[in-house]
Structures are given as structure tokens and as C-alpha cells.
Amino acid sequence: MTEFAETARAATLALRELFPPTPLQRNLYLSDRFGADIWLKREDLSPVRSYKLRGAFNAMRKLRAIDPGATRFVCASAGNHAQGVAFVCAHFGVTGRIYMPVTTPEQKILKTKTFGGLRSRSS
């Protein structure tokens, strides 16, 4: 097994702390339209309904492995990444400061707050 494959497998196993695997689902419409066998990864079934949770978790997990005392994290995002960071901060029991543009829809702000994210709106 290559180093990349081992790293990917380890990241996948670590993600199971957060949520079960999201399924693949064959999309009949797209498959028929393009004459191909098209499958979609159902990230909408993850806790934050986005693949951004995966990146936030892996980045924070790696940083905490280097510095286990790291307890404060910051990000700037208009929504999906912000939600992922807030969710992962709650998982690790650390503090997150999330900056969102003033144009961010209120629904995204409320969802980020639900996951425990703090936010400051910036222009």
C-alpha cells in the first residue's frame, strides 16, 4: 500500500469518530442524460450536510497531533466550511472563532451557531 493510501485510510478511520460513512447513490437522471454510470456521494447526509466537515476535521486533527495543547482555532467562511469548523471544535472541545461576511445568509449563520461557532461579521 502506498503512503498516500495509508494516509487516506487513516483519515477515513479517524472520521468515523464524527459520523458514519456517507453512501454513494446512482443518479439515474445524470446516468441516462450522459450515457454513463454516474454515482453521487451523499455528503448531504453528513452532520453538516457538506464535505467541508472532512477538511476541517483532518486539518484540526493534524494540528492537534503536532500541538495537543492547541485550544483556539479561527476561520473565515461564508457557510459550509464555517459549519464544519464549528462542528469539529465542539467535537474536540476547543474554542473556534469564525468570521463571516456581512452578506452571509442568516440561515448559514444560525446553523454555524447551532454547531457552537462564534462569529463576527465583517465587510
PDB file of N, CA and C in Angstrom:
ATOM      1  N   MET A   1       0.850  -1.181   0.000  1.00  0.00           N
ATOM      2  CA  MET A   1       0.000   0.000   0.000  1.00  0.00           C
ATOM      3  C   MET A   1       0.893   1.241   0.000  1.00  0.00           C
ATOM      4  N   THR A   2       0.532   2.227  -0.804  1.00  0.00           N
ATOM      5  CA  THR A   2       1.333   3.449  -0.887  1.00  0.00           C
ATOM      6  C   THR A   2       1.142   4.307   0.358  1.00  0.00           C
ATOM      7  N   GLU A   3       2.059   5.235   0.547  1.00  0.00           N
ATOM      8  CA  GLU A   3       1.958   6.144   1.689  1.00  0.00           C
ATOM      9  C   GLU A   3       0.668   6.965   1.615  1.00  0.00           C
ATOM     10  N   PHE A   4       0.315   7.407   0.386  1.00  0.00           N
ATOM     11  CA  PHE A   4      -0.924   8.164   0.217  1.00  0.00           C
ATOM     12  C   PHE A   4      -2.129   7.328   0.629  1.00  0.00           C
ATOM     13  N   ALA A   5      -2.180   6.077   0.187  1.00  0.00           N
ATOM     14  CA  ALA A   5      -3.305   5.200   0.518  1.00  0.00           C
ATOM     15  C   ALA A   5      -3.394   4.979   2.025  1.00  0.00           C
ATOM     16  N   GLU A   6      -2.252   4.804   2.670  1.00  0.00           N
ATOM     17  CA  GLU A   6      -2.242   4.616   4.127  1.00  0.00           C
ATOM     18  C   GLU A   6      -2.745   5.863   4.840  1.00  0.00           C
ATOM     19  N   THR A   7      -2.313   7.032   4.376  1.00  0.00           N
ATOM     20  CA  THR A   7      -2.746   8.298   4.976  1.00  0.00           C
ATOM     21  C   THR A   7      -4.246   8.501   4.781  1.00  0.00           C
ATOM     22  N   ALA A   8      -4.739   8.194   3.596  1.00  0.00           N
ATOM     23  CA  ALA A   8      -6.174   8.330   3.313  1.00  0.00           C
ATOM     24  C   ALA A   8      -6.988   7.368   4.174  1.00  0.00           C
ATOM     25  N   ARG A   9      -6.517   6.140   4.320  1.00  0.00           N
ATOM     26  CA  ARG A   9      -7.224   5.152   5.146  1.00  0.00           C
ATOM     27  C   ARG A   9      -7.262   5.596   6.611  1.00  0.00           C
ATOM     28  N   ALA A  10      -6.147   6.127   7.114  1.00  0.00           N
ATOM     29  CA  ALA A  10      -6.101   6.616   8.497  1.00  0.00           C
ATOM     30  C   ALA A  10      -7.059   7.781   8.699  1.00  0.00           C
ATOM     31  N   ALA A  11      -7.114   8.693   7.729  1.00  0.00           N
ATOM     32  CA  ALA A  11      -8.032   9.830   7.821  1.00  0.00           C
ATOM     33  C   ALA A  11      -9.482   9.355   7.825  1.00  0.00           C
ATOM     34  N   THR A  12      -9.774   8.375   6.991  1.00  0.00           N
ATOM     35  CA  THR A  12     -11.132   7.831   6.931  1.00  0.00           C
ATOM     36  C   THR A  12     -11.523   7.193   8.261  1.00  0.00           C
ATOM     37  N   LEU A  13     -10.623   6.409   8.823  1.00  0.00           N
ATOM     38  CA  LEU A  13     -10.914   5.772  10.116  1.00  0.00           C
ATOM     39  C   LEU A  13     -11.120   6.815  11.212  1.00  0.00           C
ATOM     40  N   ALA A  14     -10.318   7.863  11.204  1.00  0.00           N
ATOM     41  CA  ALA A  14     -10.464   8.920  12.203  1.00  0.00           C
ATOM     42  C   ALA A  14     -11.808   9.631  12.060  1.00  0.00           C
ATOM     43  N   LEU A  15     -12.261   9.810  10.818  1.00  0.00           N
ATOM     44  CA  LEU A  15     -13.550  10.474  10.584  1.00  0.00           C
ATOM     45  C   LEU A  15     -14.716   9.718  11.197  1.00  0.00           C
ATOM     46  N   ARG A  16     -14.571   8.439  11.386  1.00  0.00           N
ATOM     47  CA  ARG A  16     -15.655   7.635  11.967  1.00  0.00           C
ATOM     48  C   ARG A  16     -15.957   8.041  13.398  1.00  0.00           C
ATOM     49  N   GLU A  17     -15.049   8.819  14.040  1.00  0.00           N
ATOM     50  CA  GLU A  17     -15.342   9.391  15.354  1.00  0.00           C
ATOM     51  C   GLU A  17     -16.510  10.372  15.248  1.00  0.00           C
ATOM     52  N   LEU A  18     -16.637  11.006  14.092  1.00  0.00           N
ATOM     53  CA  LEU A  18     -17.632  12.055  13.903  1.00  0.00           C
ATOM     54  C   LEU A  18     -18.957  11.565  13.332  1.00  0.00           C
ATOM     55  N   PHE A  19     -18.886  10.719  12.305  1.00  0.00           N
ATOM     56  CA  PHE A  19     -20.114  10.300  11.636  1.00  0.00           C
ATOM     57  C   PHE A  19     -19.866   9.048  10.802  1.00  0.00           C
ATOM     58  N   PRO A  20     -20.916   8.295  10.553  1.00  0.00           N
ATOM     59  CA  PRO A  20     -20.761   7.087   9.737  1.00  0.00           C
ATOM     60  C   PRO A  20     -20.512   7.443   8.274  1.00  0.00           C
ATOM     61  N   PRO A  21     -20.076   6.470   7.488  1.00  0.00           N
ATOM     62  CA  PRO A  21     -19.824   6.745   6.073  1.00  0.00           C
ATOM     63  C   PRO A  21     -21.079   7.275   5.373  1.00  0.00           C
ATOM     64  N   THR A  22     -20.873   8.197   4.445  1.00  0.00           N
ATOM     65  CA  THR A  22     -21.986   8.665   3.623  1.00  0.00           C
ATOM     66  C   THR A  22     -22.031   7.784   2.381  1.00  0.00           C
ATOM     67  N   PRO A  23     -23.226   7.395   1.970  1.00  0.00           N
ATOM     68  CA  PRO A  23     -23.328   6.433   0.868  1.00  0.00           C
ATOM     69  C   PRO A  23     -23.118   7.070  -0.509  1.00  0.00           C
ATOM     70  N   LEU A  24     -22.836   6.215  -1.453  1.00  0.00           N
ATOM     71  CA  LEU A  24     -22.874   6.580  -2.861  1.00  0.00           C
ATOM     72  C   LEU A  24     -24.243   6.183  -3.384  1.00  0.00           C
ATOM     73  N   GLN A  25     -24.807   6.995  -4.252  1.00  0.00           N
ATOM     74  CA  GLN A  25     -26.129   6.702  -4.808  1.00  0.00           C
ATOM     75  C   GLN A  25     -26.093   6.950  -6.315  1.00  0.00           C
ATOM     76  N   ARG A  26     -26.530   5.951  -7.058  1.00  0.00           N
ATOM     77  CA  ARG A  26     -26.554   6.096  -8.513  1.00  0.00           C
ATOM     78  C   ARG A  26     -27.615   7.115  -8.891  1.00  0.00           C
ATOM     79  N   ASN A  27     -27.241   8.062  -9.758  1.00  0.00           N
ATOM     80  CA  ASN A  27     -28.171   9.077 -10.216  1.00  0.00           C
ATOM     81  C   ASN A  27     -28.677   8.668 -11.600  1.00  0.00           C
ATOM     82  N   LEU A  28     -29.921   8.232 -11.648  1.00  0.00           N
ATOM     83  CA  LEU A  28     -30.492   7.741 -12.895  1.00  0.00           C
ATOM     84  C   LEU A  28     -30.584   8.831 -13.952  1.00  0.00           C
ATOM     85  N   TYR A  29     -31.020  10.019 -13.547  1.00  0.00           N
ATOM     86  CA  TYR A  29     -31.169  11.117 -14.497  1.00  0.00           C
ATOM     87  C   TYR A  29     -29.840  11.439 -15.191  1.00  0.00           C
ATOM     88  N   LEU A  30     -28.789  11.687 -14.392  1.00  0.00           N
ATOM     89  CA  LEU A  30     -27.494  12.033 -14.974  1.00  0.00           C
ATOM     90  C   LEU A  30     -26.898  10.869 -15.764  1.00  0.00           C
ATOM     91  N   SER A  31     -27.083   9.658 -15.261  1.00  0.00           N
ATOM     92  CA  SER A  31     -26.574   8.485 -15.974  1.00  0.00           C
ATOM     93  C   SER A  31     -27.218   8.372 -17.348  1.00  0.00           C
ATOM     94  N   ASP A  32     -28.533   8.532 -17.402  1.00  0.00           N
ATOM     95  CA  ASP A  32     -29.242   8.464 -18.690  1.00  0.00           C
ATOM     96  C   ASP A  32     -28.864   9.635 -19.594  1.00  0.00           C
ATOM     97  N   ARG A  33     -28.800  10.822 -19.028  1.00  0.00           N
ATOM     98  CA  ARG A  33     -28.522  12.019 -19.828  1.00  0.00           C
ATOM     99  C   ARG A  33     -27.155  11.975 -20.501  1.00  0.00           C
ATOM    100  N   PHE A  34     -26.162  11.462 -19.766  1.00  0.00           N
ATOM    101  CA  PHE A  34     -24.802  11.475 -20.296  1.00  0.00           C
ATOM    102  C   PHE A  34     -24.314  10.104 -20.759  1.00  0.00           C
ATOM    103  N   GLY A  35     -25.196   9.117 -20.724  1.00  0.00           N
ATOM    104  CA  GLY A  35     -24.818   7.788 -21.188  1.00  0.00           C
ATOM    105  C   GLY A  35     -23.665   7.198 -20.400  1.00  0.00           C
ATOM    106  N   ALA A  36     -23.695   7.428 -19.113  1.00  0.00           N
ATOM    107  CA  ALA A  36     -22.615   6.955 -18.240  1.00  0.00           C
ATOM    108  C   ALA A  36     -23.220   6.423 -16.948  1.00  0.00           C
ATOM    109  N   ASP A  37     -22.421   5.760 -16.185  1.00  0.00           N
ATOM    110  CA  ASP A  37     -22.864   5.240 -14.888  1.00  0.00           C
ATOM    111  C   ASP A  37     -22.403   6.244 -13.830  1.00  0.00           C
ATOM    112  N   ILE A  38     -23.284   7.169 -13.445  1.00  0.00           N
ATOM    113  CA  ILE A  38     -22.906   8.280 -12.567  1.00  0.00           C
ATOM    114  C   ILE A  38     -23.462   8.062 -11.161  1.00  0.00           C
ATOM    115  N   TRP A  39     -22.542   8.126 -10.218  1.00  0.00           N
ATOM    116  CA  TRP A  39     -22.868   7.956  -8.802  1.00  0.00           C
ATOM    117  C   TRP A  39     -22.522   9.247  -8.062  1.00  0.00           C
ATOM    118  N   LEU A  40     -23.335   9.616  -7.083  1.00  0.00           N
ATOM    119  CA  LEU A  40     -23.101  10.820  -6.297  1.00  0.00           C
ATOM    120  C   LEU A  40     -22.818  10.441  -4.845  1.00  0.00           C
ATOM    121  N   LYS A  41     -21.854  11.103  -4.254  1.00  0.00           N
ATOM    122  CA  LYS A  41     -21.528  10.906  -2.846  1.00  0.00           C
ATOM    123  C   LYS A  41     -22.489  11.743  -2.041  1.00  0.00           C
ATOM    124  N   ARG A  42     -23.240  11.148  -1.136  1.00  0.00           N
ATOM    125  CA  ARG A  42     -24.313  11.818  -0.410  1.00  0.00           C
ATOM    126  C   ARG A  42     -23.799  12.568   0.825  1.00  0.00           C
ATOM    127  N   GLU A  43     -22.984  13.592   0.580  1.00  0.00           N
ATOM    128  CA  GLU A  43     -22.459  14.401   1.676  1.00  0.00           C
ATOM    129  C   GLU A  43     -23.568  15.175   2.392  1.00  0.00           C
ATOM    130  N   ASP A  44     -24.716  15.319   1.737  1.00  0.00           N
ATOM    131  CA  ASP A  44     -25.850  15.983   2.386  1.00  0.00           C
ATOM    132  C   ASP A  44     -26.367  15.160   3.567  1.00  0.00           C
ATOM    133  N   LEU A  45     -25.890  13.945   3.726  1.00  0.00           N
ATOM    134  CA  LEU A  45     -26.296  13.101   4.851  1.00  0.00           C
ATOM    135  C   LEU A  45     -25.298  13.159   6.006  1.00  0.00           C
ATOM    136  N   SER A  46     -24.239  13.954   5.857  1.00  0.00           N
ATOM    137  CA  SER A  46     -23.291  14.136   6.962  1.00  0.00           C
ATOM    138  C   SER A  46     -23.883  15.161   7.944  1.00  0.00           C
ATOM    139  N   PRO A  47     -23.338  15.244   9.146  1.00  0.00           N
ATOM    140  CA  PRO A  47     -23.913  16.159  10.148  1.00  0.00           C
ATOM    141  C   PRO A  47     -24.030  17.610   9.713  1.00  0.00           C
ATOM    142  N   VAL A  48     -23.103  18.097   8.887  1.00  0.00           N
ATOM    143  CA  VAL A  48     -23.181  19.492   8.447  1.00  0.00           C
ATOM    144  C   VAL A  48     -23.614  19.615   6.991  1.00  0.00           C
ATOM    145  N   ARG A  49     -23.987  18.498   6.390  1.00  0.00           N
ATOM    146  CA  ARG A  49     -24.537  18.455   5.039  1.00  0.00           C
ATOM    147  C   ARG A  49     -23.565  18.968   3.972  1.00  0.00           C
ATOM    148  N   SER A  50     -22.272  18.734   4.216  1.00  0.00           N
ATOM    149  CA  SER A  50     -21.256  19.212   3.285  1.00  0.00           C
ATOM    150  C   SER A  50     -19.961  18.437   3.502  1.00  0.00           C
ATOM    151  N   TYR A  51     -19.198  18.277   2.444  1.00  0.00           N
ATOM    152  CA  TYR A  51     -17.899  17.615   2.550  1.00  0.00           C
ATOM    153  C   TYR A  51     -16.887  18.468   3.309  1.00  0.00           C
ATOM    154  N   LYS A  52     -17.185  19.731   3.546  1.00  0.00           N
ATOM    155  CA  LYS A  52     -16.249  20.626   4.225  1.00  0.00           C
ATOM    156  C   LYS A  52     -15.906  20.139   5.627  1.00  0.00           C
ATOM    157  N   LEU A  53     -16.778  19.370   6.224  1.00  0.00           N
ATOM    158  CA  LEU A  53     -16.527  18.787   7.540  1.00  0.00           C
ATOM    159  C   LEU A  53     -15.268  17.926   7.513  1.00  0.00           C
ATOM    160  N   ARG A  54     -15.063  17.201   6.425  1.00  0.00           N
ATOM    161  CA  ARG A  54     -13.904  16.318   6.311  1.00  0.00           C
ATOM    162  C   ARG A  54     -12.592  17.106   6.372  1.00  0.00           C
ATOM    163  N   GLY A  55     -12.521  18.195   5.613  1.00  0.00           N
ATOM    164  CA  GLY A  55     -11.307  19.000   5.601  1.00  0.00           C
ATOM    165  C   GLY A  55     -11.052  19.668   6.940  1.00  0.00           C
ATOM    166  N   ALA A  56     -12.101  20.199   7.550  1.00  0.00           N
ATOM    167  CA  ALA A  56     -11.945  20.857   8.851  1.00  0.00           C
ATOM    168  C   ALA A  56     -11.448  19.859   9.894  1.00  0.00           C
ATOM    169  N   PHE A  57     -12.030  18.668   9.890  1.00  0.00           N
ATOM    170  CA  PHE A  57     -11.634  17.647  10.865  1.00  0.00           C
ATOM    171  C   PHE A  57     -10.183  17.223  10.660  1.00  0.00           C
ATOM    172  N   ASN A  58      -9.811  16.922   9.422  1.00  0.00           N
ATOM    173  CA  ASN A  58      -8.451  16.450   9.177  1.00  0.00           C
ATOM    174  C   ASN A  58      -7.411  17.520   9.474  1.00  0.00           C
ATOM    175  N   ALA A  59      -7.703  18.765   9.125  1.00  0.00           N
ATOM    176  CA  ALA A  59      -6.753  19.849   9.424  1.00  0.00           C
ATOM    177  C   ALA A  59      -6.591  20.013  10.934  1.00  0.00           C
ATOM    178  N   MET A  60      -7.700  20.041  11.650  1.00  0.00           N
ATOM    179  CA  MET A  60      -7.629  20.236  13.096  1.00  0.00           C
ATOM    180  C   MET A  60      -6.992  19.032  13.781  1.00  0.00           C
ATOM    181  N   ARG A  61      -7.290  17.839  13.316  1.00  0.00           N
ATOM    182  CA  ARG A  61      -6.717  16.612  13.884  1.00  0.00           C
ATOM    183  C   ARG A  61      -5.204  16.624  13.720  1.00  0.00           C
ATOM    184  N   LYS A  62      -4.718  17.021  12.546  1.00  0.00           N
ATOM    185  CA  LYS A  62      -3.274  17.066  12.307  1.00  0.00           C
ATOM    186  C   LYS A  62      -2.601  18.123  13.184  1.00  0.00           C
ATOM    187  N   LEU A  63      -3.213  19.296  13.287  1.00  0.00           N
ATOM    188  CA  LEU A  63      -2.638  20.350  14.121  1.00  0.00           C
ATOM    189  C   LEU A  63      -2.598  19.941  15.591  1.00  0.00           C
ATOM    190  N   ARG A  64      -3.648  19.282  16.044  1.00  0.00           N
ATOM    191  CA  ARG A  64      -3.687  18.849  17.453  1.00  0.00           C
ATOM    192  C   ARG A  64      -2.706  17.711  17.709  1.00  0.00           C
ATOM    193  N   ALA A  65      -2.369  16.920  16.704  1.00  0.00           N
ATOM    194  CA  ALA A  65      -1.359  15.875  16.865  1.00  0.00           C
ATOM    195  C   ALA A  65       0.026  16.508  17.061  1.00  0.00           C
ATOM    196  N   ILE A  66       0.269  17.602  16.357  1.00  0.00           N
ATOM    197  CA  ILE A  66       1.543  18.317  16.485  1.00  0.00           C
ATOM    198  C   ILE A  66       1.595  19.077  17.802  1.00  0.00           C
ATOM    199  N   ASP A  67       0.466  19.721  18.164  1.00  0.00           N
ATOM    200  CA  ASP A  67       0.388  20.522  19.382  1.00  0.00           C
ATOM    201  C   ASP A  67      -0.905  20.173  20.125  1.00  0.00           C
ATOM    202  N   PRO A  68      -0.857  19.148  20.991  1.00  0.00           N
ATOM    203  CA  PRO A  68      -2.072  18.728  21.707  1.00  0.00           C
ATOM    204  C   PRO A  68      -2.685  19.823  22.584  1.00  0.00           C
ATOM    205  N   GLY A  69      -1.892  20.841  22.896  1.00  0.00           N
ATOM    206  CA  GLY A  69      -2.403  21.935  23.719  1.00  0.00           C
ATOM    207  C   GLY A  69      -3.141  23.001  22.924  1.00  0.00           C
ATOM    208  N   ALA A  70      -3.204  22.854  21.618  1.00  0.00           N
ATOM    209  CA  ALA A  70      -3.904  23.844  20.792  1.00  0.00           C
ATOM    210  C   ALA A  70      -5.386  23.833  21.136  1.00  0.00           C
ATOM    211  N   THR A  71      -5.895  24.967  21.574  1.00  0.00           N
ATOM    212  CA  THR A  71      -7.292  25.037  22.006  1.00  0.00           C
ATOM    213  C   THR A  71      -8.088  26.143  21.326  1.00  0.00           C
ATOM    214  N   ARG A  72      -7.447  26.914  20.470  1.00  0.00           N
ATOM    215  CA  ARG A  72      -8.145  28.007  19.791  1.00  0.00           C
ATOM    216  C   ARG A  72      -7.912  27.919  18.289  1.00  0.00           C
ATOM    217  N   PHE A  73      -9.018  28.010  17.547  1.00  0.00           N
ATOM    218  CA  PHE A  73      -8.954  27.911  16.097  1.00  0.00           C
ATOM    219  C   PHE A  73      -9.775  29.030  15.486  1.00  0.00           C
ATOM    220  N   VAL A  74      -9.389  29.443  14.296  1.00  0.00           N
ATOM    221  CA  VAL A  74     -10.076  30.539  13.623  1.00  0.00           C
ATOM    222  C   VAL A  74     -10.249  30.191  12.148  1.00  0.00           C
ATOM    223  N   CYS A  75     -11.347  30.673  11.580  1.00  0.00           N
ATOM    224  CA  CYS A  75     -11.535  30.525  10.141  1.00  0.00           C
ATOM    225  C   CYS A  75     -12.394  31.677   9.638  1.00  0.00           C
ATOM    226  N   ALA A  76     -12.363  31.857   8.338  1.00  0.00           N
ATOM    227  CA  ALA A  76     -13.230  32.822   7.666  1.00  0.00           C
ATOM    228  C   ALA A  76     -13.975  32.055   6.591  1.00  0.00           C
ATOM    229  N   SER A  77     -15.298  32.140   6.617  1.00  0.00           N
ATOM    230  CA  SER A  77     -16.102  31.366   5.675  1.00  0.00           C
ATOM    231  C   SER A  77     -17.498  31.940   5.606  1.00  0.00           C
ATOM    232  N   ALA A  78     -18.110  31.791   4.448  1.00  0.00           N
ATOM    233  CA  ALA A  78     -19.493  32.235   4.275  1.00  0.00           C
ATOM    234  C   ALA A  78     -20.493  31.134   4.586  1.00  0.00           C
ATOM    235  N   GLY A  79     -20.042  29.985   5.038  1.00  0.00           N
ATOM    236  CA  GLY A  79     -21.045  28.985   5.375  1.00  0.00           C
ATOM    237  C   GLY A  79     -20.600  27.572   5.621  1.00  0.00           C
ATOM    238  N   ASN A  80     -20.370  26.784   4.576  1.00  0.00           N
ATOM    239  CA  ASN A  80     -20.151  25.353   4.760  1.00  0.00           C
ATOM    240  C   ASN A  80     -18.878  25.038   5.537  1.00  0.00           C
ATOM    241  N   HIS A  81     -17.785  25.708   5.224  1.00  0.00           N
ATOM    242  CA  HIS A  81     -16.550  25.477   5.971  1.00  0.00           C
ATOM    243  C   HIS A  81     -16.734  25.944   7.419  1.00  0.00           C
ATOM    244  N   ALA A  82     -17.409  27.071   7.604  1.00  0.00           N
ATOM    245  CA  ALA A  82     -17.669  27.574   8.953  1.00  0.00           C
ATOM    246  C   ALA A  82     -18.421  26.540   9.785  1.00  0.00           C
ATOM    247  N   GLN A  83     -19.422  25.926   9.197  1.00  0.00           N
ATOM    248  CA  GLN A  83     -20.194  24.914   9.909  1.00  0.00           C
ATOM    249  C   GLN A  83     -19.324  23.712  10.264  1.00  0.00           C
ATOM    250  N   GLY A  84     -18.474  23.307   9.328  1.00  0.00           N
ATOM    251  CA  GLY A  84     -17.572  22.190   9.592  1.00  0.00           C
ATOM    252  C   GLY A  84     -16.616  22.498  10.732  1.00  0.00           C
ATOM    253  N   VAL A  85     -16.023  23.687  10.718  1.00  0.00           N
ATOM    254  CA  VAL A  85     -15.090  24.077  11.776  1.00  0.00           C
ATOM    255  C   VAL A  85     -15.812  24.138  13.120  1.00  0.00           C
ATOM    256  N   ALA A  86     -16.994  24.732  13.161  1.00  0.00           N
ATOM    257  CA  ALA A  86     -17.753  24.816  14.417  1.00  0.00           C
ATOM    258  C   ALA A  86     -18.062  23.420  14.953  1.00  0.00           C
ATOM    259  N   PHE A  87     -18.489  22.522  14.088  1.00  0.00           N
ATOM    260  CA  PHE A  87     -18.824  21.156  14.494  1.00  0.00           C
ATOM    261  C   PHE A  87     -17.586  20.443  15.044  1.00  0.00           C
ATOM    262  N   VAL A  88     -16.450  20.602  14.368  1.00  0.00           N
ATOM    263  CA  VAL A  88     -15.223  19.926  14.796  1.00  0.00           C
ATOM    264  C   VAL A  88     -14.688  20.547  16.091  1.00  0.00           C
ATOM    265  N   CYS A  89     -14.802  21.855  16.241  1.00  0.00           N
ATOM    266  CA  CYS A  89     -14.399  22.483  17.504  1.00  0.00           C
ATOM    267  C   CYS A  89     -15.197  21.898  18.666  1.00  0.00           C
ATOM    268  N   ALA A  90     -16.495  21.736  18.479  1.00  0.00           N
ATOM    269  CA  ALA A  90     -17.333  21.138  19.525  1.00  0.00           C
ATOM    270  C   ALA A  90     -16.881  19.702  19.796  1.00  0.00           C
ATOM    271  N   HIS A  91     -16.563  18.961  18.749  1.00  0.00           N
ATOM    272  CA  HIS A  91     -16.111  17.579  18.905  1.00  0.00           C
ATOM    273  C   HIS A  91     -14.843  17.492  19.750  1.00  0.00           C
ATOM    274  N   PHE A  92     -13.872  18.368  19.469  1.00  0.00           N
ATOM    275  CA  PHE A  92     -12.606  18.347  20.192  1.00  0.00           C
ATOM    276  C   PHE A  92     -12.665  19.136  21.506  1.00  0.00           C
ATOM    277  N   GLY A  93     -13.756  19.846  21.755  1.00  0.00           N
ATOM    278  CA  GLY A  93     -13.882  20.634  22.981  1.00  0.00           C
ATOM    279  C   GLY A  93     -12.937  21.828  23.003  1.00  0.00           C
ATOM    280  N   VAL A  94     -12.747  22.452  21.843  1.00  0.00           N
ATOM    281  CA  VAL A  94     -11.870  23.612  21.737  1.00  0.00           C
ATOM    282  C   VAL A  94     -12.690  24.827  21.300  1.00  0.00           C
ATOM    283  N   THR A  95     -12.064  25.982  21.356  1.00  0.00           N
ATOM    284  CA  THR A  95     -12.732  27.229  21.002  1.00  0.00           C
ATOM    285  C   THR A  95     -12.490  27.562  19.536  1.00  0.00           C
ATOM    286  N   GLY A  96     -13.554  27.973  18.866  1.00  0.00           N
ATOM    287  CA  GLY A  96     -13.437  28.407  17.486  1.00  0.00           C
ATOM    288  C   GLY A  96     -13.976  29.816  17.325  1.00  0.00           C
ATOM    289  N   ARG A  97     -13.263  30.617  16.582  1.00  0.00           N
ATOM    290  CA  ARG A  97     -13.734  31.964  16.233  1.00  0.00           C
ATOM    291  C   ARG A  97     -13.934  31.948  14.725  1.00  0.00           C
ATOM    292  N   ILE A  98     -15.141  32.222  14.298  1.00  0.00           N
ATOM    293  CA  ILE A  98     -15.484  32.131  12.887  1.00  0.00           C
ATOM    294  C   ILE A  98     -15.942  33.492  12.391  1.00  0.00           C
ATOM    295  N   TYR A  99     -15.269  33.964  11.355  1.00  0.00           N
ATOM    296  CA  TYR A  99     -15.607  35.242  10.752  1.00  0.00           C
ATOM    297  C   TYR A  99     -16.397  34.987   9.472  1.00  0.00           C
ATOM    298  N   MET A 100     -17.520  35.693   9.343  1.00  0.00           N
ATOM    299  CA  MET A 100     -18.394  35.523   8.185  1.00  0.00           C
ATOM    300  C   MET A 100     -18.669  36.890   7.561  1.00  0.00           C
ATOM    301  N   PRO A 101     -18.722  36.947   6.242  1.00  0.00           N
ATOM    302  CA  PRO A 101     -19.018  38.236   5.590  1.00  0.00           C
ATOM    303  C   PRO A 101     -20.432  38.723   5.934  1.00  0.00           C
ATOM    304  N   VAL A 102     -20.636  40.006   5.833  1.00  0.00           N
ATOM    305  CA  VAL A 102     -21.960  40.567   6.125  1.00  0.00           C
ATOM    306  C   VAL A 102     -23.011  40.048   5.150  1.00  0.00           C
ATOM    307  N   THR A 103     -22.599  39.549   4.018  1.00  0.00           N
ATOM    308  CA  THR A 103     -23.545  39.028   3.020  1.00  0.00           C
ATOM    309  C   THR A 103     -23.949  37.570   3.264  1.00  0.00           C
ATOM    310  N   THR A 104     -23.425  36.964   4.319  1.00  0.00           N
ATOM    311  CA  THR A 104     -23.744  35.569   4.613  1.00  0.00           C
ATOM    312  C   THR A 104     -25.230  35.448   4.966  1.00  0.00           C
ATOM    313  N   PRO A 105     -25.935  34.515   4.348  1.00  0.00           N
ATOM    314  CA  PRO A 105     -27.352  34.320   4.683  1.00  0.00           C
ATOM    315  C   PRO A 105     -27.536  33.948   6.157  1.00  0.00           C
ATOM    316  N   GLU A 106     -28.573  34.483   6.743  1.00  0.00           N
ATOM    317  CA  GLU A 106     -28.858  34.245   8.154  1.00  0.00           C
ATOM    318  C   GLU A 106     -28.965  32.752   8.474  1.00  0.00           C
ATOM    319  N   GLN A 107     -29.484  31.971   7.550  1.00  0.00           N
ATOM    320  CA  GLN A 107     -29.609  30.525   7.752  1.00  0.00           C
ATOM    321  C   GLN A 107     -28.234  29.885   8.006  1.00  0.00           C
ATOM    322  N   LYS A 108     -27.220  30.311   7.262  1.00  0.00           N
ATOM    323  CA  LYS A 108     -25.865  29.779   7.451  1.00  0.00           C
ATOM    324  C   LYS A 108     -25.296  30.216   8.797  1.00  0.00           C
ATOM    325  N   ILE A 109     -25.569  31.447   9.178  1.00  0.00           N
ATOM    326  CA  ILE A 109     -25.087  31.952  10.467  1.00  0.00           C
ATOM    327  C   ILE A 109     -25.721  31.170  11.609  1.00  0.00           C
ATOM    328  N   LEU A 110     -27.032  30.990  11.546  1.00  0.00           N
ATOM    329  CA  LEU A 110     -27.731  30.257  12.608  1.00  0.00           C
ATOM    330  C   LEU A 110     -27.268  28.808  12.705  1.00  0.00           C
ATOM    331  N   LYS A 111     -27.045  28.165  11.562  1.00  0.00           N
ATOM    332  CA  LYS A 111     -26.591  26.780  11.573  1.00  0.00           C
ATOM    333  C   LYS A 111     -25.188  26.687  12.176  1.00  0.00           C
ATOM    334  N   THR A 112     -24.323  27.639  11.856  1.00  0.00           N
ATOM    335  CA  THR A 112     -22.975  27.659  12.424  1.00  0.00           C
ATOM    336  C   THR A 112     -23.050  27.845  13.936  1.00  0.00           C
ATOM    337  N   LYS A 113     -23.913  28.740  14.383  1.00  0.00           N
ATOM    338  CA  LYS A 113     -24.102  28.946  15.827  1.00  0.00           C
ATOM    339  C   LYS A 113     -24.613  27.678  16.492  1.00  0.00           C
ATOM    340  N   THR A 114     -25.495  26.964  15.813  1.00  0.00           N
ATOM    341  CA  THR A 114     -26.045  25.716  16.352  1.00  0.00           C
ATOM    342  C   THR A 114     -24.928  24.723  16.654  1.00  0.00           C
ATOM    343  N   PHE A 115     -23.926  24.689  15.801  1.00  0.00           N
ATOM    344  CA  PHE A 115     -22.816  23.766  15.999  1.00  0.00           C
ATOM    345  C   PHE A 115     -21.804  24.293  17.008  1.00  0.00           C
ATOM    346  N   GLY A 116     -21.996  25.493  17.511  1.00  0.00           N
ATOM    347  CA  GLY A 116     -21.121  26.032  18.529  1.00  0.00           C
ATOM    348  C   GLY A 116     -20.157  27.102  18.055  1.00  0.00           C
ATOM    349  N   GLY A 117     -20.329  27.554  16.833  1.00  0.00           N
ATOM    350  CA  GLY A 117     -19.399  28.539  16.286  1.00  0.00           C
ATOM    351  C   GLY A 117     -19.684  29.945  16.757  1.00  0.00           C
ATOM    352  N   LEU A 118     -18.633  30.682  17.020  1.00  0.00           N
ATOM    353  CA  LEU A 118     -18.749  32.091  17.321  1.00  0.00           C
ATOM    354  C   LEU A 118     -18.560  32.830  16.009  1.00  0.00           C
ATOM    355  N   ARG A 119     -19.148  33.963  15.855  1.00  0.00           N
ATOM    356  CA  ARG A 119     -18.964  34.668  14.601  1.00  0.00           C
ATOM    357  C   ARG A 119     -18.914  36.171  14.803  1.00  0.00           C
ATOM    358  N   SER A 120     -18.149  36.780  13.961  1.00  0.00           N
ATOM    359  CA  SER A 120     -18.095  38.232  13.829  1.00  0.00           C
ATOM    360  C   SER A 120     -18.313  38.501  12.357  1.00  0.00           C
ATOM    361  N   ARG A 121     -19.236  39.362  12.068  1.00  0.00           N
ATOM    362  CA  ARG A 121     -19.497  39.681  10.652  1.00  0.00           C
ATOM    363  C   ARG A 121     -18.574  40.789  10.231  1.00  0.00           C
ATOM    364  N   SER A 122     -17.940  40.577   9.105  1.00  0.00           N
ATOM    365  CA  SER A 122     -17.022  41.590   8.585  1.00  0.00           C
ATOM    366  C   SER A 122     -17.442  42.001   7.198  1.00  0.00           C
ATOM    367  N   SER A 123     -17.043  43.205   6.812  1.00  0.00           N
ATOM    368  CA  SER A 123     -17.426  43.684   5.473  1.00  0.00           C
ATOM    369  C   SER A 123     -16.324  43.443   4.487  1.00  0.00           C
TER     370      SER A 123
END
